[in-house]
Amino acid sequence: MFKYFAKNKGKRGFTLIELMIVIAIIGILAAIAIPQFVSYRQKGYNSKAKAELRSYYTACQAYFAAYTASNCDQSTVSDTYNKSSDIILITAAGQAMIGAKAYHAAGTSTYTVGSAGNIIP
């Protein structure tokens, strides 16, 4: 019985070199993954701003069809358009929806509605 413990006495656990290699591999993977993650978050923020601007454009189109009006701002479509709290939508009171701007509070790009309803960065 003592022979068994004496034989495996020095062979338990990992060596320092093995642990350092594992930590280095994890560090390399993190160095690659973190910038990609930040990039994907920015793309998501920008996509949300575009979608919000498209939703505003659609709400204004519905308002124009229902009331034969020529101007649309956030107050006139407040019953059909609910803006997200993290999106900043910039429109002047009484202006047409063309030229409305939107951006995410943490995003990097500002988007504008064009004359044909296209979203311009």
Foldseek 3Di string as FASTA:
>chain_A
DVVVCVVCVPPDDDDPVVVVVVVVVVVVVCVVPVVVVVVVVQVVQAVVQVVLLLQQVVLLVVVCVVPVDQFDDCVSSVVPHDGDPQKDWDDDPRHHQFQIWIGGNPYDDIWTQHPVRDIDD
